C-alpha atoms as a PDB file:
ATOM      1  CA  MET A   1       0.000   0.000   0.000  1.00  0.00           C
ATOM      2  CA  GLY A   2       1.491   3.345  -1.067  1.00  0.00           C
ATOM      3  CA  ILE A   3       1.128   6.863   0.210  1.00  0.00           C
ATOM      4  CA  ASP A   4      -1.352   9.087  -1.608  1.00  0.00           C
ATOM      5  CA  ILE A   5       0.897  11.911  -2.749  1.00  0.00           C
ATOM      6  CA  THR A   6      -1.845  13.734  -4.606  1.00  0.00           C
ATOM      7  CA  GLU A   7      -3.032  15.219  -1.317  1.00  0.00           C
ATOM      8  CA  HIS A   8      -1.392  14.811   2.046  1.00  0.00           C
ATOM      9  CA  THR A   9      -0.860  16.412   5.374  1.00  0.00           C
ATOM     10  CA  THR A  10       2.586  17.915   5.766  1.00  0.00           C
ATOM     11  CA  GLU A  11       5.007  17.226   8.608  1.00  0.00           C
ATOM     12  CA  PRO A  12       4.343  19.513  11.597  1.00  0.00           C
ATOM     13  CA  GLY A  13       6.378  22.700  11.440  1.00  0.00           C
ATOM     14  CA  THR A  14       6.827  22.635   7.646  1.00  0.00           C
ATOM     15  CA  THR A  15       6.839  26.121   6.168  1.00  0.00           C
ATOM     16  CA  LEU A  16       6.005  27.311   2.672  1.00  0.00           C
ATOM     17  CA  GLN A  17       9.713  27.876   2.060  1.00  0.00           C
ATOM     18  CA  LYS A  18      10.390  24.146   2.567  1.00  0.00           C
ATOM     19  CA  VAL A  19       7.865  22.922  -0.019  1.00  0.00           C
ATOM     20  CA  MET A  20       8.055  25.484  -2.832  1.00  0.00           C
ATOM     21  CA  PRO A  21      10.882  25.699  -5.390  1.00  0.00           C
ATOM     22  CA  THR A  22      13.898  27.708  -4.264  1.00  0.00           C
ATOM     23  CA  GLU A  23      13.337  30.188  -7.118  1.00  0.00           C
ATOM     24  CA  LEU A  24      10.358  31.621  -5.207  1.00  0.00           C
ATOM     25  CA  PHE A  25      12.758  32.854  -2.548  1.00  0.00           C
ATOM     26  CA  SER A  26      15.177  34.571  -4.918  1.00  0.00           C
ATOM     27  CA  SER A  27      15.284  38.281  -5.688  1.00  0.00           C
ATOM     28  CA  SER A  28      13.053  37.706  -8.737  1.00  0.00           C
ATOM     29  CA  TYR A  29      10.021  37.022  -6.546  1.00  0.00           C
ATOM     30  CA  ASP A  30      10.868  38.796  -3.275  1.00  0.00           C
ATOM     31  CA  THR A  31       8.102  41.364  -3.734  1.00  0.00           C
ATOM     32  CA  THR A  32       5.311  38.792  -4.178  1.00  0.00           C
ATOM     33  CA  ARG A  33       2.618  37.857  -1.669  1.00  0.00           C
ATOM     34  CA  ALA A  34       3.822  34.249  -1.763  1.00  0.00           C
ATOM     35  CA  TYR A  35       7.324  35.321  -0.755  1.00  0.00           C
ATOM     36  CA  GLU A  36       5.886  37.301   2.164  1.00  0.00           C
ATOM     37  CA  MET A  37       4.228  34.079   3.382  1.00  0.00           C
ATOM     38  CA  LYS A  38       7.436  32.014   3.266  1.00  0.00           C
ATOM     39  CA  ASP A  39       7.407  31.358   7.020  1.00  0.00           C
ATOM     40  CA  GLU A  40       3.730  30.363   7.212  1.00  0.00           C
ATOM     41  CA  LEU A  41       2.974  26.764   8.176  1.00  0.00           C
ATOM     42  CA  VAL A  42       1.692  24.338   5.532  1.00  0.00           C
ATOM     43  CA  GLU A  43      -1.339  22.260   6.412  1.00  0.00           C
ATOM     44  CA  LEU A  44      -1.970  20.299   3.206  1.00  0.00           C
ATOM     45  CA  GLU A  45      -0.187  19.789  -0.133  1.00  0.00           C
ATOM     46  CA  HIS A  46      -1.844  19.063  -3.489  1.00  0.00           C
ATOM     47  CA  CYS A  47       0.249  17.674  -6.327  1.00  0.00           C
ATOM     48  CA  GLY A  48      -1.102  16.682  -9.737  1.00  0.00           C
ATOM     49  CA  LEU A  49       2.151  15.650 -11.362  1.00  0.00           C
ATOM     50  CA  TRP A  50       1.806  12.017 -10.324  1.00  0.00           C
ATOM     51  CA  ASP A  51      -1.910  11.281 -10.604  1.00  0.00           C
ATOM     52  CA  GLN A  52      -4.090  13.641 -12.621  1.00  0.00           C
ATOM     53  CA  ASP A  53      -7.217  11.532 -11.991  1.00  0.00           C
ATOM     54  CA  GLU A  54      -7.286  12.218  -8.240  1.00  0.00           C
ATOM     55  CA  PHE A  55      -5.776  15.705  -8.193  1.00  0.00           C
ATOM     56  CA  GLN A  56      -7.898  18.494  -6.751  1.00  0.00           C
ATOM     57  CA  PRO A  57      -7.448  21.406  -9.195  1.00  0.00           C
ATOM     58  CA  TRP A  58      -6.348  24.848  -8.106  1.00  0.00           C
ATOM     59  CA  PRO A  59      -9.541  26.733  -7.151  1.00  0.00           C
ATOM     60  CA  GLY A  60      -8.320  30.040  -8.625  1.00  0.00           C
ATOM     61  CA  LYS A  61      -8.178  31.456 -12.153  1.00  0.00           C
ATOM     62  CA  HIS A  62      -4.683  30.178 -13.045  1.00  0.00           C
ATOM     63  CA  LYS A  63      -4.764  27.126 -15.323  1.00  0.00           C
ATOM     64  CA  ASN A  64      -1.239  25.730 -15.006  1.00  0.00           C
ATOM     65  CA  VAL A  65      -1.039  25.091 -11.264  1.00  0.00           C
ATOM     66  CA  HIS A  66       0.055  21.477 -10.728  1.00  0.00           C
ATOM     67  CA  PHE A  67       1.253  21.947  -7.143  1.00  0.00           C
ATOM     68  CA  TRP A  68      -0.378  24.027  -4.445  1.00  0.00           C
ATOM     69  CA  VAL A  69      -0.641  24.167  -0.687  1.00  0.00           C
ATOM     70  CA  GLU A  70      -3.132  25.119   1.978  1.00  0.00           C
ATOM     71  CA  LEU A  71      -1.563  27.218   4.715  1.00  0.00           C
ATOM     72  CA  LYS A  72      -2.684  27.170   8.323  1.00  0.00           C
ATOM     73  CA  ASN A  73      -3.369  30.919   8.086  1.00  0.00           C
ATOM     74  CA  GLY A  74      -6.292  30.236   5.694  1.00  0.00           C
ATOM     75  CA  TYR A  75      -4.527  31.084   2.424  1.00  0.00           C
ATOM     76  CA  LEU A  76      -3.642  28.955  -0.597  1.00  0.00           C
ATOM     77  CA  VAL A  77      -0.385  29.318  -2.545  1.00  0.00           C
ATOM     78  CA  GLY A  78       0.105  27.741  -5.960  1.00  0.00           C
ATOM     79  CA  TRP A  79       3.022  27.148  -8.289  1.00  0.00           C
ATOM     80  CA  ASN A  80       1.747  28.235 -11.711  1.00  0.00           C
ATOM     81  CA  GLU A  81       3.900  27.056 -14.631  1.00  0.00           C
ATOM     82  CA  ASN A  82       2.548  29.043 -17.551  1.00  0.00           C
ATOM     83  CA  PRO A  83       4.349  27.983 -20.757  1.00  0.00           C
ATOM     84  CA  ALA A  84       3.848  31.429 -22.313  1.00  0.00           C
ATOM     85  CA  ARG A  85       4.759  33.632 -19.328  1.00  0.00           C
ATOM     86  CA  GLY A  86       6.881  31.501 -17.018  1.00  0.00           C
ATOM     87  CA  TRP A  87       6.369  30.826 -13.339  1.00  0.00           C
ATOM     88  CA  SER A  88       4.136  32.688 -10.933  1.00  0.00           C
ATOM     89  CA  PHE A  89       2.986  31.925  -7.406  1.00  0.00           C
ATOM     90  CA  PRO A  90      -0.669  32.912  -6.990  1.00  0.00           C
ATOM     91  CA  VAL A  91      -2.106  33.460  -3.525  1.00  0.00           C
ATOM     92  CA  MET A  92      -5.755  33.417  -2.582  1.00  0.00           C
ATOM     93  CA  LYS A  93      -7.940  33.120   0.487  1.00  0.00           C
ATOM     94  CA  LYS A  94      -9.204  29.569   1.004  1.00  0.00           C
ATOM     95  CA  PRO A  95     -12.778  29.270  -0.342  1.00  0.00           C
ATOM     96  CA  LYS A  96     -15.439  28.464   2.239  1.00  0.00           C
END
């Protein structure tokens, strides 16, 4: 029996900075909302790279988010890989 890596609870104490790509924390993105949340605790991770059939899609407008997290502060942060524009890290309040 394997671990479901499409959605799982993160180790206690894991911050956004530990689960997102290191590029988010470079000078290219240091003025973004996602960067400002780098020390927030992650509650749940969603990853669609391994199993598209069970992946819960990003609830926001971005269409190329294949990895996103739910933070304990009530926000969501995604890793958007837009082939035309490059990476972005959208942030939104968790829907009710």
